[in-house]
Amino acid sequence: MAAWTNRGGNPVVQAEIARFGDIHPMQVSLVLKALERKGMIRRSRRRGAAKVVSVTRPGLEVLRAAMPRAIAVQRRLFGKEGRPGSVLLETLLRVD
């Protein structure tokens, strides 16, 4: 999510990732700490207490390698019904 949001050059704050992904802020923090330890992201305090997240070059390289694999798994799991606008995705959104 940080890479997607940062693609336009706009900084993304850790709390925005939590809201955008509908993920508990503590869970986001734990995941980001692990990614930071691995050198895939960098967090800095540029907006008061808010932590701005940026993806590092190694993080982008891992993301580029992982995305085709993630898409392939999604296609195998959901087939045509996993595509945007499908009945399956609309149903899953209503279940939430």
C-alpha atoms as a PDB file:
ATOM      1  CA  MET A   1       0.000   0.000   0.000  1.00  0.00           C
ATOM      2  CA  ALA A   2       2.877   2.369   0.732  1.00  0.00           C
ATOM      3  CA  ALA A   3       4.378   1.784  -2.710  1.00  0.00           C
ATOM      4  CA  TRP A   4       0.996   2.261  -4.411  1.00  0.00           C
ATOM      5  CA  THR A   5       0.277   5.472  -2.517  1.00  0.00           C
ATOM      6  CA  ASN A   6       3.812   6.801  -3.021  1.00  0.00           C
ATOM      7  CA  ARG A   7       3.788   6.205  -6.777  1.00  0.00           C
ATOM      8  CA  GLY A   8       2.701   9.806  -7.371  1.00  0.00           C
ATOM      9  CA  GLY A   9       5.413  11.149  -5.082  1.00  0.00           C
ATOM     10  CA  ASN A  10       3.012  11.932  -2.249  1.00  0.00           C
ATOM     11  CA  PRO A  11       4.207  10.876   1.203  1.00  0.00           C
ATOM     12  CA  VAL A  12       2.072   8.328   3.013  1.00  0.00           C
ATOM     13  CA  VAL A  13       1.637   8.266   6.760  1.00  0.00           C
ATOM     14  CA  GLN A  14       1.476   4.997   8.676  1.00  0.00           C
ATOM     15  CA  ALA A  15      -2.022   5.831   9.993  1.00  0.00           C
ATOM     16  CA  GLU A  16      -3.252   6.367   6.402  1.00  0.00           C
ATOM     17  CA  ILE A  17      -2.093   2.848   5.487  1.00  0.00           C
ATOM     18  CA  ALA A  18      -4.132   1.473   8.387  1.00  0.00           C
ATOM     19  CA  ARG A  19      -7.248   3.430   7.359  1.00  0.00           C
ATOM     20  CA  PHE A  20      -6.880   2.677   3.647  1.00  0.00           C
ATOM     21  CA  GLY A  21      -6.397  -1.043   4.268  1.00  0.00           C
ATOM     22  CA  ASP A  22      -8.965  -1.220   7.076  1.00  0.00           C
ATOM     23  CA  ILE A  23      -6.244  -2.783   9.256  1.00  0.00           C
ATOM     24  CA  HIS A  24      -5.769  -2.194  12.975  1.00  0.00           C
ATOM     25  CA  PRO A  25      -3.026   0.437  13.450  1.00  0.00           C
ATOM     26  CA  MET A  26      -1.025  -1.826  15.807  1.00  0.00           C
ATOM     27  CA  GLN A  27      -0.988  -4.587  13.176  1.00  0.00           C
ATOM     28  CA  VAL A  28       0.261  -2.116  10.567  1.00  0.00           C
ATOM     29  CA  SER A  29       2.940  -0.940  12.971  1.00  0.00           C
ATOM     30  CA  LEU A  30       4.170  -4.500  13.600  1.00  0.00           C
ATOM     31  CA  VAL A  31       4.318  -5.314   9.889  1.00  0.00           C
ATOM     32  CA  LEU A  32       6.113  -2.054   9.098  1.00  0.00           C
ATOM     33  CA  LYS A  33       8.648  -2.661  11.887  1.00  0.00           C
ATOM     34  CA  ALA A  34       9.446  -6.071  10.382  1.00  0.00           C
ATOM     35  CA  LEU A  35       9.775  -4.581   6.880  1.00  0.00           C
ATOM     36  CA  GLU A  36      11.956  -1.793   8.245  1.00  0.00           C
ATOM     37  CA  ARG A  37      14.290  -4.303   9.956  1.00  0.00           C
ATOM     38  CA  LYS A  38      14.649  -6.062   6.590  1.00  0.00           C
ATOM     39  CA  GLY A  39      15.478  -2.771   4.870  1.00  0.00           C
ATOM     40  CA  MET A  40      12.376  -2.785   2.638  1.00  0.00           C
ATOM     41  CA  ILE A  41      10.828   0.404   3.989  1.00  0.00           C
ATOM     42  CA  ARG A  42      11.949   3.479   5.876  1.00  0.00           C
ATOM     43  CA  ARG A  43       9.876   5.345   8.458  1.00  0.00           C
ATOM     44  CA  SER A  44      10.582   8.924   9.464  1.00  0.00           C
ATOM     45  CA  ARG A  45       8.824  11.516  11.570  1.00  0.00           C
ATOM     46  CA  ARG A  46       8.219  14.447   9.243  1.00  0.00           C
ATOM     47  CA  ARG A  47       4.725  15.375  10.335  1.00  0.00           C
ATOM     48  CA  GLY A  48       4.902  15.786  14.104  1.00  0.00           C
ATOM     49  CA  ALA A  49       4.253  12.386  15.661  1.00  0.00           C
ATOM     50  CA  ALA A  50       3.070  10.806  12.393  1.00  0.00           C
ATOM     51  CA  LYS A  51       5.427   8.350  10.748  1.00  0.00           C
ATOM     52  CA  VAL A  52       5.922   8.806   7.010  1.00  0.00           C
ATOM     53  CA  VAL A  53       6.559   5.506   5.216  1.00  0.00           C
ATOM     54  CA  SER A  54       8.703   5.197   2.112  1.00  0.00           C
ATOM     55  CA  VAL A  55       9.658   2.075   0.214  1.00  0.00           C
ATOM     56  CA  THR A  56      13.392   1.554  -0.304  1.00  0.00           C
ATOM     57  CA  ARG A  57      15.001   0.413  -3.543  1.00  0.00           C
ATOM     58  CA  PRO A  58      15.432  -3.158  -2.181  1.00  0.00           C
ATOM     59  CA  GLY A  59      11.784  -3.074  -1.091  1.00  0.00           C
ATOM     60  CA  LEU A  60      10.667  -2.070  -4.599  1.00  0.00           C
ATOM     61  CA  GLU A  61      12.774  -4.848  -6.120  1.00  0.00           C
ATOM     62  CA  VAL A  62      11.156  -7.444  -3.837  1.00  0.00           C
ATOM     63  CA  LEU A  63       7.711  -6.007  -4.583  1.00  0.00           C
ATOM     64  CA  ARG A  64       8.303  -6.159  -8.349  1.00  0.00           C
ATOM     65  CA  ALA A  65       9.351  -9.813  -8.065  1.00  0.00           C
ATOM     66  CA  ALA A  66       6.451 -10.721  -5.754  1.00  0.00           C
ATOM     67  CA  MET A  67       3.551  -9.054  -7.598  1.00  0.00           C
ATOM     68  CA  PRO A  68       3.405 -11.437 -10.595  1.00  0.00           C
ATOM     69  CA  ARG A  69       3.433 -14.380  -8.179  1.00  0.00           C
ATOM     70  CA  ALA A  70       0.683 -12.878  -6.027  1.00  0.00           C
ATOM     71  CA  ILE A  71      -1.445 -12.203  -9.121  1.00  0.00           C
ATOM     72  CA  ALA A  72      -0.899 -15.771 -10.352  1.00  0.00           C
ATOM     73  CA  VAL A  73      -2.043 -17.181  -6.996  1.00  0.00           C
ATOM     74  CA  GLN A  74      -5.096 -14.900  -7.019  1.00  0.00           C
ATOM     75  CA  ARG A  75      -6.018 -16.079 -10.509  1.00  0.00           C
ATOM     76  CA  ARG A  76      -5.632 -19.740  -9.505  1.00  0.00           C
ATOM     77  CA  LEU A  77      -7.741 -19.263  -6.386  1.00  0.00           C
ATOM     78  CA  PHE A  78     -10.535 -17.138  -7.825  1.00  0.00           C
ATOM     79  CA  GLY A  79     -10.347 -17.425 -11.623  1.00  0.00           C
ATOM     80  CA  LYS A  80     -12.528 -15.021 -13.548  1.00  0.00           C
ATOM     81  CA  GLU A  81     -14.607 -14.344 -10.438  1.00  0.00           C
ATOM     82  CA  GLY A  82     -11.610 -12.666  -8.787  1.00  0.00           C
ATOM     83  CA  ARG A  83     -11.447  -9.873 -11.340  1.00  0.00           C
ATOM     84  CA  PRO A  84     -12.566  -6.337 -10.443  1.00  0.00           C
ATOM     85  CA  GLY A  85     -16.311  -5.913 -10.751  1.00  0.00           C
ATOM     86  CA  SER A  86     -17.041  -9.624 -10.350  1.00  0.00           C
ATOM     87  CA  VAL A  87     -19.907 -11.014  -8.331  1.00  0.00           C
ATOM     88  CA  LEU A  88     -17.474 -12.747  -5.931  1.00  0.00           C
ATOM     89  CA  LEU A  89     -15.677  -9.528  -5.003  1.00  0.00           C
ATOM     90  CA  GLU A  90     -18.941  -7.634  -4.598  1.00  0.00           C
ATOM     91  CA  THR A  91     -20.261 -10.412  -2.359  1.00  0.00           C
ATOM     92  CA  LEU A  92     -17.112 -10.458  -0.225  1.00  0.00           C
ATOM     93  CA  LEU A  93     -17.343  -6.698   0.247  1.00  0.00           C
ATOM     94  CA  ARG A  94     -20.947  -7.051   1.460  1.00  0.00           C
ATOM     95  CA  VAL A  95     -19.943  -9.811   3.929  1.00  0.00           C
ATOM     96  CA  ASP A  96     -17.546  -7.408   5.606  1.00  0.00           C
END
